[in-house]
Amino acid sequence: MDSNKFISTVIEDAVENSSINSYQHIYRIQNKNNVKKWLWASLILLIIVLFLPWTQNIRAKGAVTALRQEDRPQELNTVLAGSVVKWYVKEGDYVKKGDTIMQIGEVKTDYFDPQLLNRTKKQIDAKQIAVDGYSNKAATAVSQINALEEARDLKLDQLDVKLRQQSLKVVSDSIDLGAVMNELSVAKRQIDAAKNMLDSGVISLVDFERRKVSYQNALAKKISAENKFLQAKQELTAIRIEKNGTIQEYTDKIAKAQGEQFGSLSNMATGEADVAKLQNAYSNYDIRNKLYYITAPQNGQITKARKAGIGEMVKEGDMIVEIVPDNIKYAVELFAEPMDLPLLAIGQKIRFVFDGFPAIVFTGWPAASYGTFGGRVAAVETSVSTNGKFRLLVVEDPSEKPWPRQLRMGGGANGIALLKDVPIGYELWRNINGFPPEYYTPMQGSELKEKKGK
């Protein structure tokens, strides 16, 4: 060790006293060692960095989509089976709502008749005339029923008057018969007394025969009055029988007229059902004729035409083209891991890096990032998707700079959900131990406005 030290001392002296400059470039003996300073500076810088704020975040990948379902690309399908007759647009064309895209031709034999609508209309008119005829017939039956009922009532009133008259006549004949019976009773007593008086010789035979004639006259009156009374009663019974016959006769006539009325109403109802059925068929034919021309349901661009050649067959429900709507309110569809879902809520801020737009991203310092765009969570689905993650819809944050107008449906987007601000040291410690980020509830609505006001 002493020899080495001696040699080193000799070399240092030779270097200091030498006029050769190369020694100065080879040996740095005169320079002091700064390793210790750099070590302390790095340690102090590291400690300072550990206390710098760091924004916790969750990274998720997604794609550009539309917030509303009707603004997303939609398939345009054919309702009818047919063959391609004519194309009015090509892929890439922009169309307005109601513009004709394609015409298809009929392939079913039931609809080949070009005059199908006119002939169906004639059938409806003819059936309607038949319905009107049955309606008039039913109205005529009603008039006939009313006339029969009126005639029946008049006839019954007439018979009621006759019954009343005949009843009074029976009563009158009964009174007459009573009077005659009284006369006969008196004549009977007189003839008996006269017979006794004749036997006693009080009266003559002439007086007796005179009284006998009176008795015979009274007996004849009694038989005549009785016969008249019985005849009156018989006529009263005949009138009652006539009344019952009249009721039965008019009941049969009215029932027959009502049967014709109900038959007409039944035929009218059947005709109305046929008319409704034909009108339904007419409407279906009319709508079917309009479906031969496939029109755009909304404004947009034509893409992905599935059928090409003229005469090519299409089935019911086949996709013809796809329409990408205009004036879309864009949103980003993100998929979050199940363990990150409790940290995400509606209204939470999200930063985006869109594919095709340059960006410099510092995930922990969003304010220092360049080329990112702001968004807010609009919806969080509670059911897991087929990829095992939960779907989020994020819309443009109105308080941030607007999203690029060049965004297109399906474009990629990397989302960064901003959470709580913590020191970098704590974030390193959390990641080393595998702890979840700090959970917090984002301010919404009035709370956010109140904070901005302050």
Protein backbone atom coordinates (compact mmCIF):
# COMPACT_ATOMS: atom_id res chain seq x y z
CA MET A 1 0.00 0.00 0.00
CA ASP A 2 2.88 2.38 0.73
CA SER A 3 4.44 1.69 -2.64
CA ASN A 4 1.20 2.43 -4.45
CA LYS A 5 0.78 5.65 -2.55
CA PHE A 6 4.32 6.65 -3.36
CA ILE A 7 3.82 5.93 -7.04
CA SER A 8 0.66 7.97 -7.06
CA THR A 9 2.44 10.88 -5.45
CA VAL A 10 5.22 10.73 -7.99
CA ILE A 11 2.78 10.71 -10.88
CA GLU A 12 0.87 13.67 -9.48
CA ASP A 13 4.08 15.66 -9.11
CA ALA A 14 5.11 14.75 -12.67
CA VAL A 15 1.76 15.87 -14.00
CA GLU A 16 1.88 19.17 -12.18
CA ASN A 17 5.43 19.96 -13.36
CA SER A 18 5.03 18.60 -16.90
CA SER A 19 4.53 20.87 -19.91
CA ILE A 20 2.60 18.17 -21.79
CA ASN A 21 -1.11 19.03 -22.10
CA SER A 22 -2.23 15.44 -22.64
CA TYR A 23 -1.75 14.77 -18.95
CA GLN A 24 -4.43 17.33 -18.21
CA HIS A 25 -7.00 15.41 -20.36
CA ILE A 26 -6.14 11.99 -18.99
CA TYR A 27 -5.96 12.70 -15.33
CA ARG A 28 -8.58 14.72 -13.45
CA ILE A 29 -6.84 14.57 -10.18
CA GLN A 30 -7.18 18.29 -9.56
CA ASN A 31 -11.02 18.12 -9.98
CA LYS A 32 -13.17 17.58 -6.89
CA ASN A 33 -15.76 14.69 -6.71
CA ASN A 34 -19.48 15.95 -7.01
CA VAL A 35 -21.18 12.59 -6.62
CA LYS A 36 -22.20 13.32 -3.08
CA LYS A 37 -23.80 16.62 -4.10
CA TRP A 38 -25.74 15.03 -6.91
CA LEU A 39 -26.89 12.27 -4.60
CA TRP A 40 -28.23 14.75 -2.02
CA ALA A 41 -29.83 16.89 -4.73
CA SER A 42 -31.56 13.88 -6.25
CA LEU A 43 -32.79 12.77 -2.84
CA ILE A 44 -34.21 16.21 -2.05
CA LEU A 45 -35.82 16.41 -5.50
CA LEU A 46 -37.37 12.98 -5.02
CA ILE A 47 -38.83 14.01 -1.65
CA ILE A 48 -40.27 17.16 -3.21
CA VAL A 49 -41.76 15.13 -6.06
CA LEU A 50 -43.34 12.71 -3.59
CA PHE A 51 -45.32 15.61 -2.14
CA LEU A 52 -46.46 16.99 -5.49
CA PRO A 53 -50.24 16.64 -6.17
CA TRP A 54 -51.31 13.77 -8.36
CA THR A 55 -54.83 13.28 -9.77
CA GLN A 56 -55.94 9.69 -9.39
CA ASN A 57 -57.56 8.33 -12.53
CA ILE A 58 -59.04 5.32 -14.20
CA ARG A 59 -58.14 4.48 -17.78
CA ALA A 60 -60.72 2.98 -20.13
CA LYS A 61 -60.97 2.46 -23.87
CA GLY A 62 -64.06 3.13 -25.92
CA ALA A 63 -65.48 4.38 -29.18
CA VAL A 64 -67.39 7.38 -30.44
CA THR A 65 -71.14 6.81 -30.65
CA ALA A 66 -74.35 8.84 -30.40
CA LEU A 67 -76.10 9.75 -27.19
CA ARG A 68 -79.61 8.98 -28.53
CA GLN A 69 -80.53 5.71 -30.18
CA GLU A 70 -82.13 7.35 -33.22
CA ASP A 71 -78.87 9.19 -33.96
CA ARG A 72 -76.84 6.00 -34.30
CA PRO A 73 -76.25 4.20 -37.62
CA GLN A 74 -79.38 2.29 -38.50
CA GLU A 75 -80.18 -0.46 -40.91
CA LEU A 76 -82.78 0.25 -43.55
CA ASN A 77 -84.77 -2.90 -44.20
CA THR A 78 -87.38 -3.82 -46.74
CA VAL A 79 -90.83 -4.71 -45.50
CA LEU A 80 -91.81 -6.62 -48.64
CA ALA A 81 -90.19 -9.40 -50.55
CA GLY A 82 -89.44 -8.39 -54.12
CA SER A 83 -86.82 -7.72 -56.75
CA VAL A 84 -84.63 -4.66 -57.23
CA VAL A 85 -86.09 -2.44 -59.96
CA LYS A 86 -84.07 0.76 -59.63
CA TRP A 87 -81.50 2.42 -57.38
CA TYR A 88 -81.82 6.16 -56.79
CA VAL A 89 -78.68 6.63 -54.65
CA LYS A 90 -75.20 5.17 -54.27
CA GLU A 91 -72.95 4.59 -51.30
CA GLY A 92 -71.61 7.81 -49.82
CA ASP A 93 -74.56 9.96 -50.95
CA TYR A 94 -76.28 12.23 -48.45
CA VAL A 95 -80.06 11.97 -48.38
CA LYS A 96 -82.84 13.87 -46.67
CA LYS A 97 -85.80 12.41 -44.88
CA GLY A 98 -88.30 11.04 -47.42
CA ASP A 99 -85.82 10.76 -50.32
CA THR A 100 -86.32 7.63 -52.43
CA ILE A 101 -83.48 5.13 -52.09
CA MET A 102 -84.66 2.14 -54.08
CA GLN A 103 -87.66 0.74 -55.92
CA ILE A 104 -88.60 -2.91 -55.66
CA GLY A 105 -90.96 -4.94 -57.82
CA GLU A 106 -93.72 -7.36 -56.83
CA VAL A 107 -93.02 -11.10 -56.84
CA LYS A 108 -96.23 -12.50 -55.31
CA THR A 109 -98.95 -13.54 -57.76
CA ASP A 110 -101.73 -12.30 -55.45
CA TYR A 111 -100.71 -8.70 -56.16
CA PHE A 112 -99.82 -8.81 -59.86
CA ASP A 113 -103.10 -7.17 -60.98
CA PRO A 114 -102.34 -3.51 -61.82
CA GLN A 115 -106.02 -2.62 -61.28
CA LEU A 116 -106.18 -4.32 -57.89
CA LEU A 117 -107.04 -1.13 -56.01
CA ASN A 118 -109.78 -0.08 -58.48
CA ARG A 119 -111.39 -3.51 -58.47
CA THR A 120 -111.31 -3.69 -54.72
CA LYS A 121 -112.90 -0.24 -54.57
CA LYS A 122 -115.71 -1.42 -56.85
CA GLN A 123 -116.31 -4.42 -54.60
CA ILE A 124 -116.55 -2.09 -51.62
CA ASP A 125 -119.07 0.14 -53.44
CA ALA A 126 -121.19 -2.84 -54.51
CA LYS A 127 -121.22 -4.32 -51.05
CA GLN A 128 -122.07 -0.90 -49.60
CA ILE A 129 -125.09 -0.64 -51.94
CA ALA A 130 -126.25 -4.06 -50.70
CA VAL A 131 -125.85 -2.88 -47.10
CA ASP A 132 -127.91 0.22 -47.87
CA GLY A 133 -130.60 -1.99 -49.42
CA TYR A 134 -130.80 -4.15 -46.31
CA SER A 135 -130.93 -1.00 -44.21
CA ASN A 136 -133.87 0.33 -46.24
CA LYS A 137 -135.61 -3.04 -46.02
CA ALA A 138 -135.20 -3.03 -42.26
CA ALA A 139 -136.61 0.51 -42.11
CA THR A 140 -139.59 -0.59 -44.24
CA ALA A 141 -140.18 -3.51 -41.87
CA VAL A 142 -140.16 -1.08 -38.96
CA SER A 143 -142.79 1.08 -40.71
CA GLN A 144 -144.86 -2.01 -41.41
CA ILE A 145 -144.62 -3.07 -37.76
CA ASN A 146 -145.74 0.37 -36.63
CA ALA A 147 -148.71 0.28 -39.03
CA LEU A 148 -149.74 -3.20 -37.81
CA GLU A 149 -149.49 -2.14 -34.20
CA GLU A 150 -151.63 0.92 -34.91
CA ALA A 151 -154.25 -1.16 -36.76
CA ARG A 152 -154.25 -3.71 -33.95
CA ASP A 153 -154.84 -1.03 -31.36
CA LEU A 154 -157.73 0.47 -33.37
CA LYS A 155 -159.30 -2.95 -33.90
CA LEU A 156 -158.99 -3.79 -30.23
CA ASP A 157 -160.51 -0.45 -29.29
CA GLN A 158 -163.45 -1.20 -31.59
CA LEU A 159 -163.89 -4.66 -30.08
CA ASP A 160 -163.66 -3.22 -26.59
CA VAL A 161 -166.56 -0.86 -27.43
CA LYS A 162 -168.59 -3.78 -28.78
CA LEU A 163 -167.81 -5.79 -25.66
CA ARG A 164 -168.99 -2.91 -23.53
CA GLN A 165 -172.21 -2.56 -25.55
CA GLN A 166 -172.87 -6.30 -25.48
CA SER A 167 -172.22 -6.45 -21.75
CA LEU A 168 -174.79 -3.70 -21.21
CA LYS A 169 -177.19 -5.57 -23.44
CA VAL A 170 -176.73 -8.75 -21.38
CA VAL A 171 -177.43 -6.75 -18.24
CA SER A 172 -180.54 -5.23 -19.87
CA ASP A 173 -181.84 -8.64 -21.02
CA SER A 174 -181.16 -10.01 -17.58
CA ILE A 175 -183.32 -7.23 -16.06
CA ASP A 176 -186.06 -7.90 -18.64
CA LEU A 177 -185.95 -11.59 -17.79
CA GLY A 178 -186.34 -10.75 -14.11
CA ALA A 179 -189.40 -8.60 -14.81
CA VAL A 180 -190.99 -11.33 -16.94
CA MET A 181 -190.30 -13.86 -14.19
CA ASN A 182 -192.13 -11.62 -11.75
CA GLU A 183 -195.12 -11.36 -14.12
CA LEU A 184 -195.10 -15.14 -14.54
CA SER A 185 -195.05 -15.59 -10.80
CA VAL A 186 -198.07 -13.25 -10.44
CA ALA A 187 -199.94 -15.00 -13.27
CA LYS A 188 -199.17 -18.37 -11.64
CA ARG A 189 -200.71 -17.27 -8.37
CA GLN A 190 -203.72 -15.81 -10.16
CA ILE A 191 -204.38 -19.00 -12.15
CA ASP A 192 -204.11 -21.10 -9.02
CA ALA A 193 -206.51 -18.83 -7.20
CA ALA A 194 -208.87 -18.78 -10.17
CA LYS A 195 -208.86 -22.56 -10.29
CA ASN A 196 -209.87 -22.74 -6.65
CA MET A 197 -212.51 -20.11 -7.20
CA LEU A 198 -213.80 -21.99 -10.25
CA ASP A 199 -214.10 -25.15 -8.23
CA SER A 200 -215.99 -23.19 -5.53
CA GLY A 201 -218.28 -21.58 -8.12
CA VAL A 202 -217.16 -18.10 -7.28
CA ILE A 203 -216.13 -17.27 -10.82
CA SER A 204 -217.31 -18.42 -14.13
CA LEU A 205 -215.40 -20.57 -16.56
CA VAL A 206 -214.96 -17.58 -18.83
CA ASP A 207 -213.10 -15.65 -16.15
CA PHE A 208 -210.96 -18.68 -15.43
CA GLU A 209 -210.01 -19.11 -19.10
CA ARG A 210 -209.24 -15.38 -19.35
CA ARG A 211 -206.80 -15.71 -16.44
CA LYS A 212 -205.39 -18.88 -17.99
CA VAL A 213 -204.65 -16.97 -21.19
CA SER A 214 -202.85 -14.30 -19.14
CA TYR A 215 -200.76 -17.02 -17.51
CA GLN A 216 -199.91 -18.50 -20.92
CA ASN A 217 -198.86 -15.08 -22.19
CA ALA A 218 -196.63 -14.52 -19.17
CA LEU A 219 -195.03 -17.94 -19.68
CA ALA A 220 -194.39 -17.14 -23.36
CA LYS A 221 -192.79 -13.80 -22.40
CA LYS A 222 -190.62 -15.60 -19.91
CA ILE A 223 -189.32 -18.05 -22.55
CA SER A 224 -188.75 -15.21 -25.06
CA ALA A 225 -186.89 -13.08 -22.51
CA GLU A 226 -184.79 -16.01 -21.41
CA ASN A 227 -183.91 -16.86 -25.00
CA LYS A 228 -182.99 -13.23 -25.68
CA PHE A 229 -180.79 -13.15 -22.56
CA LEU A 230 -178.94 -16.34 -23.57
CA GLN A 231 -178.48 -15.01 -27.10
CA ALA A 232 -176.95 -11.78 -25.70
CA LYS A 233 -174.55 -13.78 -23.56
CA GLN A 234 -173.58 -15.88 -26.58
CA GLU A 235 -172.88 -12.74 -28.63
CA LEU A 236 -170.72 -11.39 -25.78
CA THR A 237 -168.66 -14.60 -25.82
CA ALA A 238 -168.35 -14.39 -29.60
CA ILE A 239 -166.99 -10.82 -29.34
CA ARG A 240 -164.43 -11.96 -26.78
CA ILE A 241 -163.36 -14.80 -29.06
CA GLU A 242 -163.11 -12.30 -31.94
CA LYS A 243 -160.90 -10.07 -29.79
CA ASN A 244 -158.55 -12.94 -28.96
CA GLY A 245 -158.43 -13.91 -32.64
CA THR A 246 -157.60 -10.33 -33.59
CA ILE A 247 -154.76 -10.24 -31.04
CA GLN A 248 -153.38 -13.53 -32.35
CA GLU A 249 -153.70 -12.43 -35.99
CA TYR A 250 -151.88 -9.15 -35.48
CA THR A 251 -149.29 -10.83 -33.25
CA ASP A 252 -148.47 -13.22 -36.09
CA LYS A 253 -148.27 -10.40 -38.62
CA ILE A 254 -146.07 -8.26 -36.37
CA ALA A 255 -143.81 -11.24 -35.57
CA LYS A 256 -143.43 -11.94 -39.29
CA ALA A 257 -142.57 -8.29 -39.97
CA GLN A 258 -140.10 -8.30 -37.08
CA GLY A 259 -138.55 -11.48 -38.47
CA GLU A 260 -138.04 -9.72 -41.81
CA GLN A 261 -136.60 -6.72 -39.95
CA PHE A 262 -134.13 -8.84 -37.99
CA GLY A 263 -133.22 -10.78 -41.10
CA SER A 264 -132.48 -7.51 -42.90
CA LEU A 265 -130.45 -6.27 -39.94
CA SER A 266 -128.50 -9.53 -39.88
CA ASN A 267 -127.77 -9.29 -43.59
CA MET A 268 -126.83 -5.64 -43.13
CA ALA A 269 -124.39 -6.55 -40.33
CA THR A 270 -122.87 -9.28 -42.49
CA GLY A 271 -122.57 -6.79 -45.35
CA GLU A 272 -120.93 -4.21 -43.08
CA ALA A 273 -118.44 -6.86 -41.94
CA ASP A 274 -117.67 -7.63 -45.58
CA VAL A 275 -117.29 -3.92 -46.31
CA ALA A 276 -114.91 -3.51 -43.38
CA LYS A 277 -112.93 -6.53 -44.55
CA LEU A 278 -112.71 -5.15 -48.08
CA GLN A 279 -111.74 -1.70 -46.77
CA ASN A 280 -109.00 -3.33 -44.71
CA ALA A 281 -107.78 -5.16 -47.79
CA TYR A 282 -107.93 -1.91 -49.80
CA SER A 283 -105.85 -0.09 -47.18
CA ASN A 284 -103.34 -2.94 -47.13
CA TYR A 285 -103.06 -2.86 -50.92
CA ASP A 286 -102.66 0.93 -50.89
CA ILE A 287 -99.95 0.81 -48.22
CA ARG A 288 -98.25 -2.08 -50.03
CA ASN A 289 -98.06 0.00 -53.22
CA LYS A 290 -96.29 2.74 -51.27
CA LEU A 291 -93.82 0.25 -49.80
CA TYR A 292 -92.46 -0.52 -53.27
CA TYR A 293 -90.44 2.68 -52.89
CA ILE A 294 -88.01 2.56 -49.97
CA THR A 295 -87.41 6.04 -48.55
CA ALA A 296 -84.94 7.49 -46.06
CA PRO A 297 -86.35 7.68 -42.50
CA GLN A 298 -84.08 10.63 -41.62
CA ASN A 299 -81.25 12.78 -42.92
CA GLY A 300 -77.92 11.02 -43.25
CA GLN A 301 -75.31 9.33 -45.40
CA ILE A 302 -75.83 6.07 -47.27
CA THR A 303 -73.34 3.31 -46.41
CA LYS A 304 -73.02 -0.48 -46.62
CA ALA A 305 -75.35 -1.26 -49.52
CA ARG A 306 -76.08 -5.00 -49.29
CA LYS A 307 -77.92 -5.45 -52.61
CA ALA A 308 -76.42 -4.45 -55.91
CA GLY A 309 -77.80 -5.72 -59.22
CA ILE A 310 -81.06 -4.87 -60.92
CA GLY A 311 -83.48 -7.77 -60.55
CA GLU A 312 -81.74 -9.13 -57.48
CA MET A 313 -84.21 -10.71 -55.06
CA VAL A 314 -84.72 -9.40 -51.55
CA LYS A 315 -86.58 -11.09 -48.74
CA GLU A 316 -88.85 -9.54 -46.16
CA GLY A 317 -86.74 -7.82 -43.50
CA ASP A 318 -83.50 -7.91 -45.54
CA MET A 319 -81.09 -5.04 -44.95
CA ILE A 320 -80.81 -2.75 -47.98
CA VAL A 321 -78.41 -0.05 -46.80
CA GLU A 322 -77.20 1.58 -43.61
CA ILE A 323 -77.84 5.26 -42.86
CA VAL A 324 -75.52 7.32 -40.68
CA PRO A 325 -77.61 10.28 -39.44
CA ASP A 326 -76.53 13.92 -39.60
CA ASN A 327 -76.54 16.42 -36.74
CA ILE A 328 -75.53 13.86 -34.18
CA LYS A 329 -74.99 14.66 -30.56
CA TYR A 330 -71.86 12.62 -30.06
CA ALA A 331 -71.04 10.62 -26.99
CA VAL A 332 -68.26 8.21 -26.08
CA GLU A 333 -69.03 4.65 -25.15
CA LEU A 334 -66.58 3.48 -22.48
CA PHE A 335 -66.24 0.11 -20.78
CA ALA A 336 -65.08 0.12 -17.15
CA GLU A 337 -63.80 -2.78 -15.07
CA PRO A 338 -66.20 -4.06 -12.39
CA MET A 339 -63.76 -3.04 -9.62
CA ASP A 340 -63.76 0.55 -10.95
CA LEU A 341 -67.53 0.86 -11.26
CA PRO A 342 -68.17 2.12 -7.67
CA LEU A 343 -65.78 5.01 -8.39
CA LEU A 344 -67.80 6.25 -11.38
CA ALA A 345 -70.97 8.29 -11.13
CA ILE A 346 -73.19 10.44 -13.33
CA GLY A 347 -71.68 13.90 -13.78
CA GLN A 348 -68.09 12.77 -13.19
CA LYS A 349 -65.42 14.42 -15.34
CA ILE A 350 -63.63 12.39 -18.02
CA ARG A 351 -60.67 13.40 -20.21
CA PHE A 352 -60.42 11.95 -23.73
CA VAL A 353 -57.74 11.33 -26.28
CA PHE A 354 -59.42 10.75 -29.63
CA ASP A 355 -57.78 8.65 -32.31
CA GLY A 356 -56.34 10.82 -35.05
CA PHE A 357 -55.88 13.89 -32.86
CA PRO A 358 -52.35 14.41 -31.47
CA ALA A 359 -52.12 14.69 -27.72
CA ILE A 360 -49.53 14.90 -24.96
CA VAL A 361 -51.02 13.29 -21.89
CA PHE A 362 -49.95 13.51 -18.24
CA THR A 363 -52.57 11.38 -16.54
CA GLY A 364 -51.81 12.70 -13.09
CA TRP A 365 -51.64 16.34 -14.19
CA PRO A 366 -54.62 16.90 -16.50
CA ALA A 367 -53.98 20.66 -16.56
CA ALA A 368 -50.55 20.05 -18.11
CA SER A 369 -51.93 17.72 -20.80
CA TYR A 370 -52.32 18.92 -24.37
CA GLY A 371 -54.80 17.71 -26.99
CA THR A 372 -57.28 16.16 -24.54
CA PHE A 373 -60.98 16.92 -24.45
CA GLY A 374 -63.37 17.08 -21.52
CA GLY A 375 -66.55 15.10 -20.94
CA ARG A 376 -69.05 14.19 -18.25
CA VAL A 377 -70.63 10.82 -17.50
CA ALA A 378 -74.24 10.86 -18.70
CA ALA A 379 -75.25 7.25 -18.00
CA VAL A 380 -73.85 4.23 -16.19
CA GLU A 381 -75.39 0.87 -17.04
CA THR A 382 -76.07 -1.45 -14.12
CA SER A 383 -75.87 -4.67 -16.15
CA VAL A 384 -72.62 -6.16 -17.35
CA SER A 385 -71.91 -6.23 -21.09
CA THR A 386 -70.86 -9.27 -23.09
CA ASN A 387 -67.18 -8.35 -22.63
CA GLY A 388 -67.49 -8.59 -18.85
CA LYS A 389 -67.30 -4.82 -18.31
CA PHE A 390 -69.82 -2.11 -17.53
CA ARG A 391 -70.83 0.38 -20.20
CA LEU A 392 -70.74 4.16 -19.70
CA LEU A 393 -71.95 6.97 -21.95
CA VAL A 394 -69.96 10.20 -21.72
CA VAL A 395 -71.12 13.46 -23.34
CA GLU A 396 -69.29 16.68 -24.10
CA ASP A 397 -68.54 18.91 -21.13
CA PRO A 398 -70.05 22.34 -21.92
CA SER A 399 -67.53 24.05 -19.67
CA GLU A 400 -64.59 22.66 -21.68
CA LYS A 401 -63.50 23.28 -25.25
CA PRO A 402 -65.83 21.62 -27.79
CA TRP A 403 -65.08 18.22 -29.25
CA PRO A 404 -63.61 18.13 -32.78
CA ARG A 405 -66.13 18.44 -35.58
CA GLN A 406 -64.21 15.77 -37.49
CA LEU A 407 -65.32 13.01 -35.10
CA ARG A 408 -66.99 10.08 -36.76
CA MET A 409 -69.07 7.19 -35.49
CA GLY A 410 -66.93 4.28 -34.32
CA GLY A 411 -63.73 6.28 -33.86
CA GLY A 412 -61.52 5.21 -30.96
CA ALA A 413 -61.27 7.15 -27.72
CA ASN A 414 -59.13 6.62 -24.62
CA GLY A 415 -60.89 7.86 -21.52
CA ILE A 416 -59.30 9.04 -18.30
CA ALA A 417 -61.70 9.33 -15.39
CA LEU A 418 -60.41 11.98 -12.98
CA LEU A 419 -60.72 11.11 -9.29
CA LYS A 420 -59.24 12.65 -6.14
CA ASP A 421 -56.05 14.73 -5.90
CA VAL A 422 -53.43 12.97 -3.71
CA PRO A 423 -49.64 13.25 -3.24
CA ILE A 424 -47.47 11.26 -5.64
CA GLY A 425 -45.95 9.39 -2.73
CA TYR A 426 -49.34 8.22 -1.58
CA GLU A 427 -50.23 7.15 -5.13
CA LEU A 428 -47.01 5.10 -5.40
CA TRP A 429 -47.69 3.50 -2.03
CA ARG A 430 -51.29 2.72 -3.10
CA ASN A 431 -50.22 1.08 -6.35
CA ILE A 432 -47.48 -0.96 -4.63
CA ASN A 433 -50.00 -2.31 -2.13
CA GLY A 434 -52.77 -2.74 -4.75
CA PHE A 435 -55.28 -0.51 -2.93
CA PRO A 436 -58.16 1.06 -4.90
CA PRO A 437 -58.24 4.80 -5.64
CA GLU A 438 -59.90 7.21 -3.24
CA TYR A 439 -63.65 7.25 -3.73
CA TYR A 440 -65.50 10.54 -3.86
CA THR A 441 -68.88 11.73 -5.09
CA PRO A 442 -68.63 14.36 -7.85
CA MET A 443 -70.41 17.64 -7.32
CA GLN A 444 -73.44 18.17 -9.54
CA GLY A 445 -75.90 20.90 -10.39
CA SER A 446 -76.35 23.53 -7.73
CA GLU A 447 -73.27 22.45 -5.72
CA LEU A 448 -71.00 22.93 -8.74
CA LYS A 449 -72.53 26.37 -9.51
CA GLU A 450 -72.15 27.43 -5.87
CA LYS A 451 -68.48 26.44 -5.88
CA LYS A 452 -67.83 28.35 -9.12
CA GLY A 453 -69.55 31.40 -7.65
CA LYS A 454 -67.33 31.33 -4.62
